[in-house]
């Protein structure tokens, strides 16, 4: 059995890191917005089922509603932080 040296291990790890696809921030944000939109649609359907009495698993429906609420709060905070950052940059003097 051949044991690789530490230098070989470092090059192996760096090769693996370089092989990972790096998505642009705008693409990641678009995917997140789409996920939040999907969560909101699922929650709306869950609320409709609860109101209509079509409840098979109330715990699962309540989970979907809570998940969409948390997703919406998170994306709202991301938007607020982005706006604060933009305003801070605009206040900088060049």
N, C-alpha and C. Protein backbone atom coordinates (compact mmCIF):
# COMPACT_ATOMS: atom_id res chain seq x y z
N UNK A 1 0.84 -1.18 0.00
CA UNK A 1 0.00 0.00 0.00
C UNK A 1 0.88 1.24 0.00
N UNK A 2 0.60 2.15 -0.91
CA UNK A 2 1.39 3.37 -1.01
C UNK A 2 0.68 4.48 -0.27
N UNK A 3 1.38 5.19 0.58
CA UNK A 3 0.81 6.30 1.32
C UNK A 3 1.25 7.58 0.65
N UNK A 4 0.28 8.40 0.29
CA UNK A 4 0.56 9.66 -0.38
C UNK A 4 1.08 10.67 0.64
N UNK A 5 1.99 11.51 0.19
CA UNK A 5 2.52 12.56 1.06
C UNK A 5 1.51 13.69 1.21
N UNK A 6 1.79 14.59 2.12
CA UNK A 6 0.90 15.70 2.38
C UNK A 6 0.79 16.62 1.17
N UNK A 7 1.87 16.79 0.43
CA UNK A 7 1.83 17.63 -0.77
C UNK A 7 0.87 17.06 -1.81
N UNK A 8 0.85 15.74 -1.95
CA UNK A 8 -0.07 15.12 -2.90
C UNK A 8 -1.52 15.33 -2.46
N UNK A 9 -1.75 15.26 -1.17
CA UNK A 9 -3.09 15.45 -0.63
C UNK A 9 -3.58 16.88 -0.89
N UNK A 10 -2.70 17.84 -0.70
CA UNK A 10 -3.06 19.24 -0.93
C UNK A 10 -3.44 19.48 -2.38
N UNK A 11 -2.68 18.91 -3.29
CA UNK A 11 -3.00 19.09 -4.71
C UNK A 11 -4.31 18.39 -5.07
N UNK A 12 -4.58 17.25 -4.44
CA UNK A 12 -5.82 16.54 -4.69
C UNK A 12 -7.01 17.36 -4.22
N UNK A 13 -6.92 17.96 -3.04
CA UNK A 13 -8.01 18.78 -2.50
C UNK A 13 -8.22 20.01 -3.37
N UNK A 14 -7.14 20.65 -3.82
CA UNK A 14 -7.29 21.85 -4.65
C UNK A 14 -7.90 21.50 -6.00
N UNK A 15 -7.61 20.31 -6.54
CA UNK A 15 -8.22 19.89 -7.79
C UNK A 15 -9.72 19.71 -7.61
N UNK A 16 -10.14 19.14 -6.48
CA UNK A 16 -11.56 18.94 -6.22
C UNK A 16 -12.27 20.27 -6.06
N UNK A 17 -11.66 21.24 -5.42
CA UNK A 17 -12.28 22.54 -5.24
C UNK A 17 -12.45 23.25 -6.57
N UNK A 18 -11.47 23.10 -7.46
CA UNK A 18 -11.54 23.75 -8.77
C UNK A 18 -12.60 23.13 -9.66
N UNK A 19 -12.93 21.86 -9.42
CA UNK A 19 -13.91 21.17 -10.24
C UNK A 19 -15.33 21.58 -9.90
N UNK A 20 -15.57 22.14 -8.73
CA UNK A 20 -16.92 22.55 -8.34
C UNK A 20 -17.37 23.73 -9.18
N UNK A 21 -18.64 23.68 -9.57
CA UNK A 21 -19.21 24.77 -10.35
C UNK A 21 -19.58 25.91 -9.41
N UNK A 22 -19.13 27.09 -9.73
CA UNK A 22 -19.44 28.26 -8.92
C UNK A 22 -20.51 29.06 -9.66
N UNK A 23 -21.68 29.19 -9.01
CA UNK A 23 -22.78 29.92 -9.63
C UNK A 23 -22.67 31.39 -9.28
N UNK A 24 -23.06 32.25 -10.19
CA UNK A 24 -23.09 33.68 -9.87
C UNK A 24 -24.16 33.96 -8.83
N UNK A 25 -23.96 35.03 -8.06
CA UNK A 25 -24.89 35.38 -6.99
C UNK A 25 -26.30 35.61 -7.53
N UNK A 26 -26.41 36.22 -8.69
CA UNK A 26 -27.74 36.49 -9.25
C UNK A 26 -28.49 35.19 -9.53
N UNK A 27 -27.79 34.17 -9.98
CA UNK A 27 -28.43 32.89 -10.26
C UNK A 27 -28.88 32.21 -8.97
N UNK A 28 -28.05 32.27 -7.95
CA UNK A 28 -28.41 31.70 -6.65
C UNK A 28 -29.63 32.41 -6.09
N UNK A 29 -29.66 33.73 -6.21
CA UNK A 29 -30.78 34.52 -5.71
C UNK A 29 -32.06 34.19 -6.49
N UNK A 30 -31.97 34.04 -7.80
CA UNK A 30 -33.14 33.68 -8.60
C UNK A 30 -33.70 32.33 -8.18
N UNK A 31 -32.82 31.36 -7.94
CA UNK A 31 -33.27 30.04 -7.50
C UNK A 31 -33.94 30.12 -6.13
N UNK A 32 -33.40 30.93 -5.25
CA UNK A 32 -33.98 31.08 -3.92
C UNK A 32 -35.35 31.73 -4.00
N UNK A 33 -35.51 32.74 -4.83
CA UNK A 33 -36.81 33.39 -5.00
C UNK A 33 -37.82 32.38 -5.56
N UNK A 34 -37.39 31.57 -6.51
CA UNK A 34 -38.28 30.55 -7.06
C UNK A 34 -38.69 29.54 -6.00
N UNK A 35 -37.76 29.16 -5.14
CA UNK A 35 -38.08 28.22 -4.06
C UNK A 35 -39.07 28.83 -3.08
N UNK A 36 -38.88 30.09 -2.75
CA UNK A 36 -39.80 30.77 -1.83
C UNK A 36 -41.19 30.85 -2.46
N UNK A 37 -41.24 31.17 -3.74
CA UNK A 37 -42.52 31.24 -4.44
C UNK A 37 -43.23 29.89 -4.41
N UNK A 38 -42.47 28.82 -4.64
CA UNK A 38 -43.04 27.48 -4.59
C UNK A 38 -43.56 27.17 -3.19
N UNK A 39 -42.79 27.51 -2.16
CA UNK A 39 -43.22 27.28 -0.78
C UNK A 39 -44.51 28.01 -0.48
N UNK A 40 -44.64 29.24 -0.97
CA UNK A 40 -45.86 30.01 -0.74
C UNK A 40 -47.07 29.38 -1.44
N UNK A 41 -46.86 28.86 -2.64
CA UNK A 41 -47.95 28.18 -3.34
C UNK A 41 -48.39 26.92 -2.61
N UNK A 42 -47.41 26.16 -2.11
CA UNK A 42 -47.72 24.94 -1.37
C UNK A 42 -48.48 25.29 -0.08
N UNK A 43 -48.07 26.35 0.59
CA UNK A 43 -48.73 26.77 1.82
C UNK A 43 -50.16 27.22 1.55
N UNK A 44 -50.37 27.93 0.44
CA UNK A 44 -51.72 28.37 0.08
C UNK A 44 -52.62 27.16 -0.17
N UNK A 45 -52.08 26.16 -0.84
CA UNK A 45 -52.84 24.93 -1.07
C UNK A 45 -53.13 24.21 0.25
N UNK A 46 -52.15 24.22 1.15
CA UNK A 46 -52.35 23.59 2.46
C UNK A 46 -53.45 24.31 3.24
N UNK A 47 -53.45 25.63 3.19
CA UNK A 47 -54.50 26.40 3.87
C UNK A 47 -55.87 26.10 3.27
N UNK A 48 -55.91 25.95 1.95
CA UNK A 48 -57.18 25.62 1.29
C UNK A 48 -57.69 24.26 1.75
N UNK A 49 -56.77 23.29 1.85
CA UNK A 49 -57.16 21.95 2.29
C UNK A 49 -57.67 21.97 3.73
N UNK A 50 -57.02 22.74 4.58
CA UNK A 50 -57.46 22.82 5.98
C UNK A 50 -58.85 23.45 6.04
N UNK A 51 -59.07 24.52 5.28
CA UNK A 51 -60.36 25.20 5.29
C UNK A 51 -61.48 24.31 4.74
N UNK A 52 -61.14 23.48 3.76
CA UNK A 52 -62.14 22.61 3.14
C UNK A 52 -62.34 21.32 3.93
N UNK A 53 -61.50 21.07 4.92
CA UNK A 53 -61.62 19.86 5.72
C UNK A 53 -61.02 18.64 5.07
N UNK A 54 -60.15 18.84 4.10
CA UNK A 54 -59.49 17.74 3.39
C UNK A 54 -58.16 17.41 4.05
N UNK A 55 -58.18 17.23 5.36
CA UNK A 55 -56.95 17.05 6.12
C UNK A 55 -56.67 15.56 6.29
N UNK A 56 -55.53 15.14 5.73
CA UNK A 56 -55.07 13.78 5.95
C UNK A 56 -54.00 13.77 7.04
N UNK A 57 -53.12 14.77 6.97
CA UNK A 57 -52.02 14.87 7.93
C UNK A 57 -51.87 16.34 8.30
N UNK A 58 -52.50 16.74 9.38
CA UNK A 58 -52.50 18.14 9.79
C UNK A 58 -51.09 18.62 10.12
N UNK A 59 -50.29 17.76 10.71
CA UNK A 59 -48.92 18.14 11.09
C UNK A 59 -48.11 18.53 9.86
N UNK A 60 -48.24 17.76 8.77
CA UNK A 60 -47.51 18.06 7.54
C UNK A 60 -47.98 19.38 6.93
N UNK A 61 -49.29 19.62 6.95
CA UNK A 61 -49.81 20.87 6.40
C UNK A 61 -49.33 22.07 7.21
N UNK A 62 -49.33 21.94 8.52
CA UNK A 62 -48.85 23.03 9.38
C UNK A 62 -47.36 23.26 9.17
N UNK A 63 -46.62 22.19 8.94
CA UNK A 63 -45.19 22.31 8.64
C UNK A 63 -44.97 23.11 7.36
N UNK A 64 -45.75 22.82 6.33
CA UNK A 64 -45.61 23.53 5.05
C UNK A 64 -45.92 25.02 5.21
N UNK A 65 -46.94 25.33 6.01
CA UNK A 65 -47.29 26.73 6.23
C UNK A 65 -46.18 27.44 7.00
N UNK A 66 -45.65 26.81 8.04
CA UNK A 66 -44.56 27.42 8.82
C UNK A 66 -43.30 27.58 7.98
N UNK A 67 -43.01 26.60 7.13
CA UNK A 67 -41.83 26.67 6.26
C UNK A 67 -41.94 27.86 5.30
N UNK A 68 -43.11 28.07 4.73
CA UNK A 68 -43.28 29.19 3.80
C UNK A 68 -43.16 30.52 4.54
N UNK A 69 -43.64 30.58 5.77
CA UNK A 69 -43.53 31.81 6.57
C UNK A 69 -42.07 32.14 6.85
N UNK A 70 -41.30 31.15 7.23
CA UNK A 70 -39.88 31.37 7.51
C UNK A 70 -39.13 31.75 6.24
N UNK A 71 -39.45 31.10 5.12
CA UNK A 71 -38.80 31.43 3.85
C UNK A 71 -39.09 32.88 3.45
N UNK A 72 -40.34 33.30 3.62
CA UNK A 72 -40.72 34.66 3.26
C UNK A 72 -40.01 35.67 4.16
N UNK A 73 -39.93 35.38 5.45
CA UNK A 73 -39.22 36.28 6.37
C UNK A 73 -37.74 36.38 6.01
N UNK A 74 -37.13 35.25 5.64
CA UNK A 74 -35.71 35.24 5.29
C UNK A 74 -35.45 36.07 4.04
N UNK A 75 -36.26 35.90 3.01
CA UNK A 75 -36.02 36.64 1.78
C UNK A 75 -36.29 38.13 2.00
N UNK A 76 -37.22 38.46 2.89
CA UNK A 76 -37.47 39.86 3.21
C UNK A 76 -36.26 40.47 3.90
N UNK A 77 -35.64 39.73 4.82
CA UNK A 77 -34.43 40.22 5.49
C UNK A 77 -33.27 40.35 4.52
N UNK A 78 -33.15 39.42 3.59
CA UNK A 78 -32.09 39.52 2.57
C UNK A 78 -32.29 40.79 1.75
N UNK A 79 -33.53 41.05 1.35
CA UNK A 79 -33.82 42.27 0.59
C UNK A 79 -33.48 43.51 1.41
N UNK A 80 -33.86 43.52 2.69
CA UNK A 80 -33.58 44.67 3.55
C UNK A 80 -32.08 44.91 3.69
N UNK A 81 -31.32 43.86 3.87
CA UNK A 81 -29.87 44.00 4.00
C UNK A 81 -29.24 44.48 2.69
N UNK A 82 -29.75 43.99 1.58
CA UNK A 82 -29.24 44.44 0.28
C UNK A 82 -29.52 45.92 0.08
N UNK A 83 -30.71 46.37 0.45
CA UNK A 83 -31.04 47.80 0.32
C UNK A 83 -30.18 48.65 1.25
N UNK A 84 -29.96 48.17 2.47
CA UNK A 84 -29.11 48.91 3.41
C UNK A 84 -27.69 49.02 2.87
N UNK A 85 -27.19 47.95 2.30
CA UNK A 85 -25.84 47.96 1.73
C UNK A 85 -25.76 48.93 0.56
N UNK A 86 -26.75 48.91 -0.30
CA UNK A 86 -26.78 49.83 -1.43
C UNK A 86 -26.80 51.28 -0.95
N UNK A 87 -27.64 51.57 0.04
CA UNK A 87 -27.72 52.93 0.55
C UNK A 87 -26.41 53.37 1.19
N UNK A 88 -25.75 52.44 1.87
CA UNK A 88 -24.46 52.76 2.48
C UNK A 88 -23.41 53.06 1.40
N UNK A 89 -23.42 52.30 0.34
CA UNK A 89 -22.47 52.54 -0.75
C UNK A 89 -22.75 53.89 -1.40
N UNK A 90 -24.02 54.23 -1.57
CA UNK A 90 -24.38 55.52 -2.20
C UNK A 90 -23.98 56.70 -1.31
N UNK A 91 -23.88 56.51 -0.02
CA UNK A 91 -23.48 57.60 0.89
C UNK A 91 -21.97 57.81 0.89
N UNK A 92 -21.22 56.84 0.39
CA UNK A 92 -19.76 56.99 0.39
C UNK A 92 -19.34 58.12 -0.55
N UNK A 93 -18.34 58.85 -0.11
CA UNK A 93 -17.82 59.90 -0.95
C UNK A 93 -16.60 59.38 -1.72
N UNK A 94 -16.56 59.73 -2.97
CA UNK A 94 -15.47 59.25 -3.81
C UNK A 94 -14.35 60.25 -3.87
